[in-house]
Protein backbone atom coordinates (compact mmCIF):
# COMPACT_ATOMS: atom_id res chain seq x y z
CA MET A 1 7.82 -33.53 0.93
CA LYS A 2 10.60 -32.52 -0.67
CA LYS A 3 13.88 -32.60 0.82
CA LYS A 4 17.12 -30.65 -0.02
CA ILE A 5 19.99 -32.53 1.05
CA LEU A 6 23.68 -30.17 1.29
CA ARG A 7 26.96 -32.39 0.62
CA VAL A 8 30.09 -30.43 2.16
CA ILE A 9 33.02 -30.40 -0.62
CA PHE A 10 36.37 -30.37 1.07
CA THR A 11 38.56 -27.99 -1.06
CA VAL A 12 42.44 -28.28 -0.99
CA ILE A 13 43.00 -24.76 -0.22
CA PRO A 14 46.68 -23.29 -1.68
CA VAL A 15 49.93 -22.55 0.54
CA VAL A 16 49.10 -19.16 0.05
CA CYS A 17 45.93 -19.31 1.01
CA LEU A 18 46.85 -21.11 4.41
CA VAL A 19 49.23 -18.38 5.16
CA ALA A 20 46.36 -16.19 4.84
CA LEU A 21 44.46 -17.08 7.81
CA TYR A 22 47.09 -16.16 10.20
CA LEU A 23 47.39 -12.63 8.22
CA PHE A 24 44.14 -11.89 8.11
CA VAL A 25 41.10 -12.06 10.97
CA ALA A 26 38.30 -13.07 8.60
CA ILE A 27 38.18 -16.39 6.50
CA PRO A 28 36.42 -15.87 3.12
CA MET A 29 33.68 -18.34 2.10
CA ARG A 30 34.61 -20.80 -0.78
CA GLU A 31 32.34 -21.42 -3.63
CA ARG A 32 30.57 -24.81 -4.43
CA LYS A 33 29.90 -25.64 -7.67
CA ASP A 34 27.82 -29.21 -7.15
CA ARG A 35 25.43 -28.17 -5.08
CA ASP A 36 22.50 -30.86 -5.20
CA ASP A 37 20.05 -28.98 -7.44
CA GLY A 38 23.05 -27.78 -10.06
CA SER A 39 23.03 -24.05 -8.96
CA ASN A 40 26.03 -22.18 -7.44
CA SER A 41 25.96 -22.05 -3.30
CA GLU A 42 29.23 -21.79 -1.04
CA VAL A 43 28.76 -23.23 2.09
CA TYR A 44 30.34 -22.81 5.62
CA GLN A 45 29.67 -25.70 7.99
CA GLY A 46 25.90 -25.60 7.67
CA ALA A 47 25.94 -22.16 6.32
CA TYR A 48 23.64 -21.97 3.04
CA PHE A 49 24.68 -19.08 0.12
CA ALA A 50 21.32 -18.54 -2.43
CA SER A 51 22.56 -18.67 -5.54
CA ALA A 52 21.73 -15.13 -8.05
CA THR A 53 18.73 -17.62 -9.59
CA GLU A 54 16.81 -18.43 -6.25
CA LYS A 55 14.43 -16.32 -5.04
CA SER A 56 14.63 -14.56 -1.49
CA PRO A 57 12.08 -16.82 0.36
CA ALA A 58 11.27 -14.23 3.06
CA TYR A 59 10.21 -11.68 -0.07
CA GLY A 60 6.85 -10.73 1.13
CA GLN A 61 6.75 -12.33 4.51
CA SER A 62 5.68 -10.94 7.32
CA LYS A 63 7.65 -9.39 10.01
CA SER A 64 6.35 -11.70 12.58
CA TYR A 65 8.15 -14.26 11.25
CA LYS A 66 11.85 -12.61 10.74
CA GLY A 67 13.97 -13.58 13.63
CA GLY A 68 12.99 -14.89 16.93
CA ALA A 69 15.42 -13.10 19.33
CA ILE A 70 16.17 -10.21 17.03
CA PHE A 71 15.36 -7.97 13.81
CA ILE A 72 17.44 -6.16 12.81
CA GLU A 73 15.89 -3.03 11.06
CA PRO A 74 17.00 -1.70 7.65
CA ASN A 75 20.36 0.91 8.21
CA VAL A 76 20.78 -0.33 12.01
CA THR A 77 23.95 -1.99 13.50
CA TYR A 78 23.65 -4.20 16.37
CA ASN A 79 26.69 -5.59 18.32
CA MET A 80 26.72 -8.99 19.98
CA ASN A 81 29.31 -8.91 22.40
CA GLY A 82 28.47 -11.67 25.28
CA GLY A 83 25.65 -13.59 26.43
CA SER A 84 23.42 -16.35 25.18
CA ILE A 85 20.49 -16.77 22.61
CA THR A 86 19.32 -19.99 23.71
CA GLY A 87 15.91 -22.20 21.56
CA THR A 88 14.41 -19.14 19.70
CA ASN A 89 12.31 -20.03 16.72
CA LYS A 90 11.20 -18.33 13.66
CA LYS A 91 10.88 -18.99 10.35
CA PHE A 92 13.66 -16.32 8.77
CA GLY A 93 16.55 -16.50 11.46
CA GLY A 94 15.88 -18.77 14.31
CA ALA A 95 17.41 -15.99 16.17
CA VAL A 96 18.56 -13.26 13.98
CA TYR A 97 17.21 -11.47 11.25
CA ILE A 98 19.48 -8.83 9.23
CA SER A 99 17.47 -6.58 6.83
CA SER A 100 18.88 -5.28 3.76
CA GLY A 101 21.32 -2.32 4.69
CA ALA A 102 21.57 -3.81 8.61
CA THR A 103 24.74 -5.50 10.23
CA PHE A 104 25.27 -7.57 12.78
CA ASN A 105 28.03 -7.89 14.40
CA MET A 106 28.92 -10.61 16.38
CA LYS A 107 31.69 -10.41 19.01
CA GLY A 108 31.30 -12.95 21.60
CA GLY A 109 28.32 -15.12 22.86
CA SER A 110 26.64 -17.69 21.49
CA ILE A 111 23.89 -18.63 19.43
CA THR A 112 22.45 -22.25 20.31
CA GLY A 113 19.61 -24.48 19.79
CA CYS A 114 17.24 -22.24 17.47
CA ASN A 115 15.21 -23.42 14.78
CA GLY A 116 13.83 -22.08 11.54
CA MET A 117 13.01 -22.95 8.00
CA TYR A 118 15.53 -20.55 6.50
CA GLY A 119 18.67 -19.58 8.59
CA GLY A 120 18.29 -22.01 12.00
CA ALA A 121 20.57 -19.35 13.92
CA ILE A 122 20.53 -15.97 11.55
CA TYR A 123 19.11 -14.97 8.12
CA VAL A 124 20.99 -12.17 6.23
CA GLU A 125 18.62 -10.21 3.56
CA THR A 126 20.12 -8.54 0.12
CA GLY A 127 22.80 -5.48 1.11
CA GLY A 128 22.45 -7.06 5.15
CA THR A 129 26.46 -7.43 6.36
CA LEU A 130 27.21 -10.34 9.02
CA VAL A 131 30.46 -10.06 10.71
CA ILE A 132 31.27 -12.82 13.16
CA GLU A 133 34.89 -12.06 15.16
CA ALA A 134 34.51 -14.38 18.03
CA GLY A 135 31.51 -16.67 19.26
CA THR A 136 29.71 -19.81 19.27
CA LEU A 137 26.76 -20.88 16.69
CA THR A 138 25.97 -24.65 17.40
CA GLY A 139 23.34 -27.04 17.77
CA ASN A 140 20.99 -25.05 15.41
CA THR A 141 18.42 -26.25 12.58
CA ALA A 142 16.80 -25.56 9.69
CA ASN A 143 15.40 -26.81 6.18
CA TYR A 144 18.18 -24.36 4.66
CA GLY A 145 20.96 -23.13 6.13
CA PRO A 146 21.01 -24.79 9.58
CA SER A 147 23.86 -21.64 11.00
CA ILE A 148 23.15 -19.25 8.82
CA TYR A 149 20.75 -18.16 5.39
CA ALA A 150 22.11 -15.70 2.88
CA GLU A 151 20.60 -14.03 0.34
CA GLN A 152 22.51 -13.46 -2.92
CA GLY A 153 24.21 -10.02 -2.04
CA ALA A 154 24.32 -10.66 1.63
CA THR A 155 28.03 -9.98 2.77
CA VAL A 156 29.03 -12.52 5.33
CA ASP A 157 32.54 -12.33 6.70
CA ILE A 158 34.06 -14.96 9.47
CA SER A 159 36.86 -14.87 11.07
CA PRO A 160 38.42 -18.37 11.86
CA ASN A 161 37.90 -17.59 15.80
CA ALA A 162 34.34 -18.25 15.27
CA ASN A 163 33.12 -21.63 16.35
CA ILE A 164 30.26 -22.70 14.06
CA SER A 165 29.48 -26.61 14.54
CA SER A 166 26.92 -28.92 14.51
CA ASN A 167 24.28 -27.26 13.17
CA ASP A 168 21.96 -29.82 11.35
CA ILE A 169 19.48 -29.84 8.82
CA LEU A 170 15.96 -30.27 9.47
CA TYR A 171 14.07 -32.37 7.21
CA GLU A 172 10.62 -32.11 8.69
CA VAL A 173 9.63 -28.49 9.06
CA ILE A 174 8.01 -28.03 11.95
CA LEU A 175 4.71 -26.07 12.60
CA ASP A 176 3.24 -24.97 16.21
CA ILE A 177 -0.12 -25.50 16.54
CA SER A 178 -1.95 -23.45 18.66
CA ASN A 179 -2.71 -23.79 22.63
CA GLU A 180 -5.74 -21.70 21.86
CA GLU A 181 -9.00 -23.54 21.60
CA ILE A 182 -11.37 -22.42 19.64
CA GLU A 183 -14.96 -23.27 19.52
CA ILE A 184 -16.61 -23.31 16.04
CA GLY A 185 -20.24 -25.22 16.95
CA ALA A 186 -22.09 -26.41 20.13
CA ASP A 187 -20.10 -29.78 20.18
CA LEU A 188 -16.64 -29.04 18.53
CA THR A 189 -13.72 -27.00 19.13
CA THR A 190 -10.30 -26.68 17.12
CA ARG A 191 -7.00 -25.03 17.05
CA TYR A 192 -5.01 -23.47 14.37
CA ILE A 193 -1.21 -23.74 12.39
CA THR A 194 -0.02 -20.00 11.14
CA MET A 195 1.34 -20.98 7.64
CA GLY A 196 1.83 -18.60 4.45
CA SER A 197 1.93 -14.56 4.16
CA TYR A 198 -1.22 -12.50 2.33
CA PRO A 199 -1.98 -8.82 2.62
CA GLN A 200 -4.84 -8.44 5.56
CA THR A 201 -5.30 -5.51 7.50
CA ALA A 202 -5.62 -1.53 6.40
CA VAL A 203 -3.10 0.52 8.10
CA ASP A 204 -4.85 3.86 9.94
CA GLU A 205 -4.63 7.28 7.97
CA THR A 206 -1.88 8.50 9.80
CA MET A 207 0.52 5.07 8.45
CA GLN A 208 -1.67 5.64 5.13
CA ASN A 209 -0.18 9.26 4.74
CA THR A 210 3.62 7.91 6.03
CA LEU A 211 3.42 5.21 3.52
CA THR A 212 2.23 7.29 0.36
CA ALA A 213 4.74 10.16 1.08
CA TRP A 214 7.71 7.46 1.58
CA ALA A 215 6.77 5.40 -1.17
CA SER A 216 7.20 8.21 -3.89
CA SER A 217 10.38 8.17 -3.65
CA GLN A 218 11.05 4.57 -3.37
CA THR A 219 10.69 1.49 -6.39
CA PRO A 220 8.13 -0.91 -5.58
CA SER A 221 8.28 -4.91 -6.07
CA HIS A 222 4.79 -6.57 -6.45
CA PHE A 223 3.07 -9.47 -5.15
CA ASP A 224 0.09 -11.19 -6.37
CA GLY A 225 -0.17 -7.96 -9.00
CA VAL A 226 -0.06 -4.91 -7.06
CA GLU A 227 2.81 -2.72 -5.84
CA MET A 228 4.72 -4.05 -2.67
CA TYR A 229 7.06 -2.32 -0.34
CA THR A 230 9.40 -3.26 2.65
CA TYR A 231 9.12 -0.18 4.87
CA THR A 232 11.68 0.93 7.10
CA ASP A 233 9.77 -0.48 10.32
CA GLY A 234 10.63 -4.50 8.69
CA ASN A 235 7.01 -4.50 7.57
CA VAL A 236 5.85 -5.42 3.89
CA TYR A 237 2.89 -3.75 2.34
CA VAL A 238 1.01 -3.31 -0.63
CA LEU A 239 -0.97 -0.70 -2.32
CA GLY A 240 -4.77 -1.58 -3.81
CA GLN A 241 -7.33 0.28 -4.73
CA CYS A 242 -10.76 0.60 -3.53
CA CYS A 243 -13.84 -0.23 -5.35
CA GLY A 244 -16.86 1.16 -3.94
CA GLY A 245 -16.31 3.26 -0.63
CA PHE A 246 -15.84 1.46 2.47
CA THR A 247 -14.82 2.18 6.43
CA PHE A 248 -11.78 -0.39 7.53
CA SER A 249 -11.11 -1.79 10.51
CA SER A 250 -8.83 0.97 11.61
CA GLY A 251 -11.60 3.21 10.92
CA TYR A 252 -10.41 4.77 8.39
CA TYR A 253 -12.91 5.47 5.25
CA ALA A 254 -11.26 4.57 1.60
CA ALA A 255 -13.48 6.81 -1.39
CA ASP A 256 -14.42 5.03 -4.29
CA GLY A 257 -11.02 4.72 -6.46
CA GLU A 258 -8.64 5.65 -3.51
CA TYR A 259 -5.40 3.67 -3.20
CA LEU A 260 -4.89 2.31 0.10
CA TRP A 261 -2.17 0.48 2.03
CA PHE A 262 -2.46 -2.82 3.53
CA LYS A 263 -0.29 -5.04 6.07
CA ILE A 264 1.32 -8.12 5.12
CA GLU A 265 0.53 -10.62 7.94
CA PRO A 266 0.57 -14.48 8.82
CA ILE A 267 -2.61 -16.73 7.47
CA LYS A 268 -4.12 -18.49 10.33
CA TRP A 269 -5.92 -21.90 9.27
CA TRP A 270 -8.58 -23.70 11.41
CA ILE A 271 -7.25 -27.45 11.54
CA ILE A 272 -10.58 -29.09 10.20
CA ASN A 273 -9.67 -32.70 11.28
CA TYR A 274 -8.53 -31.36 15.00
CA ASP A 275 -11.42 -33.51 16.53
CA GLY A 276 -9.46 -36.55 15.44
CA TYR A 277 -6.19 -35.14 16.40
CA GLN A 278 -3.60 -37.30 18.63
CA ASP A 279 -0.20 -37.18 18.85
CA GLY A 280 2.17 -37.72 15.86
CA MET A 281 -0.39 -36.68 13.85
CA THR A 282 1.14 -35.32 10.99
CA GLU A 283 -1.35 -34.73 8.06
CA PHE A 284 -3.87 -31.92 8.51
CA TRP A 285 -6.69 -30.58 7.02
CA LEU A 286 -6.51 -26.61 7.18
CA LEU A 287 -9.21 -23.86 6.23
CA SER A 288 -8.31 -20.25 6.61
CA ARG A 289 -9.56 -18.55 9.52
CA SER A 290 -10.75 -15.37 7.52
CA ALA A 291 -12.02 -14.76 4.27
CA LEU A 292 -8.77 -13.67 2.46
CA THR A 293 -9.87 -12.24 -1.34
CA THR A 294 -13.60 -11.47 -2.89
CA TYR A 295 -14.62 -13.02 -6.02
CA ASP A 296 -15.91 -12.07 -9.16
CA MET A 297 -17.81 -14.75 -10.74
CA TYR A 298 -19.32 -12.91 -13.38
CA GLY A 299 -18.51 -14.73 -16.78
CA ASP A 300 -16.58 -17.44 -15.41
CA SER A 301 -17.17 -21.61 -15.73
CA MET A 302 -19.71 -22.69 -13.62
CA ASN A 303 -17.57 -26.10 -12.91
CA TRP A 304 -14.61 -26.25 -10.79
CA VAL A 305 -12.56 -27.88 -13.43
CA ASN A 306 -12.26 -24.46 -15.46
CA CYS A 307 -13.26 -21.98 -12.67
CA GLY A 308 -11.19 -19.31 -12.76
CA ILE A 309 -10.53 -18.89 -9.01
CA ARG A 310 -9.25 -22.75 -8.87
CA ASP A 311 -6.47 -21.41 -11.17
CA TRP A 312 -5.60 -18.23 -9.16
CA LEU A 313 -5.77 -20.55 -5.98
CA ASN A 314 -3.39 -23.05 -7.42
CA GLY A 315 -1.49 -20.33 -9.71
CA SER A 316 -0.54 -16.99 -7.85
CA PHE A 317 -1.98 -17.48 -4.54
CA TYR A 318 -0.01 -20.53 -4.03
CA GLU A 319 3.08 -18.79 -5.22
CA ASN A 320 3.03 -15.86 -3.72
CA ALA A 321 1.81 -16.84 -0.49
CA PHE A 322 4.40 -19.60 0.57
CA THR A 323 7.85 -20.35 0.47
CA GLU A 324 9.42 -22.76 -0.94
CA ALA A 325 9.86 -25.16 1.95
CA GLU A 326 6.11 -24.61 2.92
CA ARG A 327 4.70 -25.32 -0.58
CA ASN A 328 6.87 -28.68 -0.16
CA LEU A 329 4.36 -29.02 2.68
CA ILE A 330 0.92 -28.53 0.81
CA ASN A 331 -0.52 -32.11 -0.84
CA LEU A 332 -1.36 -32.26 -4.32
CA THR A 333 -5.15 -33.28 -3.08
CA ASN A 334 -7.29 -35.79 -5.21
CA VAL A 335 -10.64 -33.52 -5.14
CA GLN A 336 -13.60 -35.06 -5.73
CA ASN A 337 -16.26 -32.81 -7.41
CA ASN A 338 -19.91 -32.54 -8.01
CA ASP A 339 -20.96 -32.44 -12.19
CA GLY A 340 -22.11 -28.33 -12.31
CA TYR A 341 -23.82 -28.95 -15.45
CA SER A 342 -26.50 -30.90 -13.84
CA TYR A 343 -28.84 -31.23 -10.70
CA ASN A 344 -26.68 -33.91 -9.31
CA TYR A 345 -24.61 -32.30 -6.49
CA THR A 346 -22.92 -35.38 -5.17
CA ASP A 347 -18.72 -35.41 -5.01
CA GLY A 348 -18.00 -37.49 -6.99
CA SER A 349 -20.69 -37.01 -9.73
CA GLY A 350 -18.10 -34.80 -12.17
CA GLN A 351 -14.50 -34.68 -13.42
CA ALA A 352 -12.18 -34.95 -10.17
CA THR A 353 -8.93 -32.11 -9.69
CA ASN A 354 -5.90 -32.19 -8.82
CA ASP A 355 -5.37 -29.21 -6.34
CA TYR A 356 -2.92 -27.66 -3.70
CA LEU A 357 -5.52 -25.56 -2.83
CA PHE A 358 -9.51 -25.92 -3.25
CA LEU A 359 -12.94 -24.58 -1.94
CA LEU A 360 -15.14 -26.58 0.25
CA SER A 361 -18.19 -28.56 -1.27
CA LEU A 362 -21.58 -28.42 -0.20
CA ASP A 363 -21.00 -32.52 0.82
CA GLU A 364 -18.09 -31.00 3.00
CA VAL A 365 -20.04 -28.30 4.52
CA GLN A 366 -23.68 -29.36 4.83
CA PRO A 367 -23.02 -33.79 5.32
CA SER A 368 -25.99 -35.71 4.15
CA SER A 369 -28.60 -37.57 6.36
CA GLY A 370 -27.00 -40.28 7.95
CA THR A 371 -23.28 -38.85 7.61
CA SER A 372 -21.45 -39.46 10.94
CA ALA A 373 -19.75 -37.11 12.72
CA HIS A 374 -16.33 -38.05 11.74
CA GLU A 375 -17.41 -39.04 8.11
CA SER A 376 -17.93 -35.15 7.61
CA ILE A 377 -15.87 -31.63 8.53
CA PHE A 378 -18.35 -29.85 10.59
CA VAL A 379 -20.83 -31.87 13.27
CA ARG A 380 -23.30 -29.50 12.45
CA GLY A 381 -26.79 -31.16 13.65
CA ASN A 382 -29.60 -29.01 12.86
CA TYR A 383 -27.85 -26.23 11.34
CA SER A 384 -26.93 -24.76 14.61
CA PHE A 385 -23.13 -24.38 13.57
CA ASP A 386 -22.06 -20.95 14.01
CA PHE A 387 -19.53 -20.48 10.75
CA GLU A 388 -18.74 -16.59 10.78
CA LEU A 389 -16.79 -15.30 7.88
CA TYR A 390 -14.08 -13.15 8.88
CA PRO A 391 -13.46 -11.29 5.85
CA THR A 392 -10.25 -9.53 6.06
CA ASP A 393 -9.58 -5.73 5.24
CA TYR A 394 -8.56 -6.41 1.99
CA ALA A 395 -11.13 -8.94 1.28
CA ASN A 396 -13.11 -6.13 1.09
CA LEU A 397 -11.52 -3.89 -1.41
CA MET A 398 -13.80 -4.87 -4.36
CA LEU A 399 -17.18 -4.87 -2.46
CA ASN A 400 -18.03 -2.21 -4.23
CA GLY A 401 -20.31 -0.71 -1.36
CA PHE A 402 -22.45 -3.96 -1.11
CA SER A 403 -22.47 -6.12 1.94
CA LEU A 404 -21.46 -9.80 1.44
CA GLY A 405 -22.64 -12.21 4.12
CA HIS A 406 -21.42 -15.59 2.03
CA ALA A 407 -18.38 -17.44 0.84
CA MET A 408 -17.80 -19.72 -2.55
CA LEU A 409 -17.97 -22.97 -2.37
CA ARG A 410 -16.78 -25.66 -5.33
CA THR A 411 -19.88 -27.12 -6.03
CA GLY A 412 -21.79 -26.23 -8.90
CA VAL A 413 -25.41 -25.40 -9.21
CA TYR A 414 -27.51 -26.23 -12.22
CA TYR A 415 -31.06 -24.66 -11.88
CA ASP A 416 -33.98 -23.11 -13.32
CA TYR A 417 -34.65 -19.04 -12.84
CA GLU A 418 -37.45 -17.51 -14.87
CA ASP A 419 -37.90 -20.20 -17.36
CA ASN A 420 -33.84 -19.68 -18.10
CA ALA A 421 -31.26 -22.65 -17.35
CA ILE A 422 -28.71 -20.98 -15.07
CA GLN A 423 -25.24 -21.93 -13.66
CA SER A 424 -23.83 -20.95 -10.36
CA TYR A 425 -22.34 -22.02 -7.11
CA TYR A 426 -23.60 -22.93 -4.09
CA LEU A 427 -22.53 -20.61 -1.55
CA TRP A 428 -22.43 -20.34 2.10
CA ASP A 429 -23.19 -18.24 4.86
CA SER A 430 -22.70 -18.34 8.83
CA ASP A 431 -26.44 -20.84 9.54
CA PHE A 432 -26.18 -23.05 6.13
CA ALA A 433 -25.20 -23.61 2.37
CA PHE A 434 -27.61 -22.21 0.15
CA ILE A 435 -28.25 -20.95 -3.87
CA THR A 436 -28.01 -17.74 -4.19
CA ASP A 437 -31.21 -16.02 -5.99
CA ALA A 438 -29.80 -13.81 -8.42
CA PRO A 439 -28.24 -15.05 -11.53
CA TYR A 440 -24.31 -14.62 -11.92
CA ASN A 441 -24.57 -14.35 -15.92
CA THR A 442 -26.90 -10.96 -15.86
CA GLY A 443 -24.04 -8.38 -14.94
CA SER A 444 -27.30 -6.13 -13.52
CA ASN A 445 -25.55 -6.21 -10.03
CA ARG A 446 -22.81 -7.15 -8.01
CA ASP A 447 -24.54 -10.30 -6.59
CA ASP A 448 -21.69 -11.99 -8.34
CA LEU A 449 -19.29 -11.17 -5.89
CA THR A 450 -18.23 -13.35 -3.02
CA TYR A 451 -15.92 -14.25 -0.49
CA ILE A 452 -12.83 -17.08 -0.87
CA ARG A 453 -11.36 -19.15 2.09
CA PRO A 454 -9.07 -21.64 0.61
CA SER A 455 -8.68 -24.78 1.97
CA MET A 456 -5.56 -27.23 1.73
CA ILE A 457 -3.92 -30.51 3.29
CA ILE A 458 -0.58 -30.65 4.71
CA SER A 459 2.04 -33.03 5.57
CA LEU A 460 4.47 -32.63 7.81
CA SER A 461 6.41 -35.60 7.45
């Protein structure tokens, strides 16, 4: 796991500036030229000021990750005159998140003991304004900016009357493990970790119309190749095109070719190795709780080494779905694969790959005879394991009118189909793994489509 170390540089202040401290309420930030990664930054007791070259870590992230106590929507002013915020936690702004165009005036009170990845106490977006005239920020922790994280273009004005002290860099990212026990088999339960964000739920018809009208006068950014907008409610939405008519979970029916809106939401990951969990455990093998997307395998390589979905998972998805701090947690895993061009389906029989994200294999989903429960991922017995696919609305965007009941494994398949050699992949459904009965290289139907449920291994220390 990468670790960021901030070194405070004490600058000799000219006499004229010392006089100015008595003449003005606010003290200006001073630029630090030699941050460890070589980029420009400003530091004020645990504050982190992003440089122009640093991408916003909150870009495209769900509102549910922002502001442990207060989320200030765009063009809203919030005044804190007293009271206290204590012990709250969010990824962006452990206590307060200031949206672009919003203002947070702190005139008293305290923010203490709060935690985040970016901004232990306060996070300020580009275009947002933070004014601290008085009050206390102390005892807060974060990986970046234990007191304040300010994006490039944010305005931060701090008075010498403010007490900003004892805010510490957190060298380990703490991810909460849910208290909810999930039954995923007759004898096996698990829990989940929330990490990363991705488009998931289609909005209802009223919100579809509202977003469409509003976006007509906005300039989009982009997320994984689609248009993305941060709406005035603080949530982030993407615009996707439906392939084939489909009725989504909101009840909204989208016709073939229609554009519709999806909300970017946190990704839930089941902890595969929770069965052996014990206090102090820091390495977790995760599987996405839901099928996050649909993949068309037609014309692709039938070997995991050269597979297009492998490139996407470790490229666009890895870069867009996770923040830098989250990416630092994801292990580069040595993944054992089979030889997809032979009849050998055993992991290790083919070329190994080094991947941040990967799909499960046949060996991992369907343990061979004699494999003990703790040597395989799932305790499945006589195939009684109930493993539903849980596709998101966004995963159903490309179904083209078909109904899918399976997800892709990384185990390649070579077999004869009507006297022709066919390369394919094993698939899995809620019962057991199987080989599809449709050749993937004909293009004659949509059996090339399959759901994708990524897996990864993370380390918290």
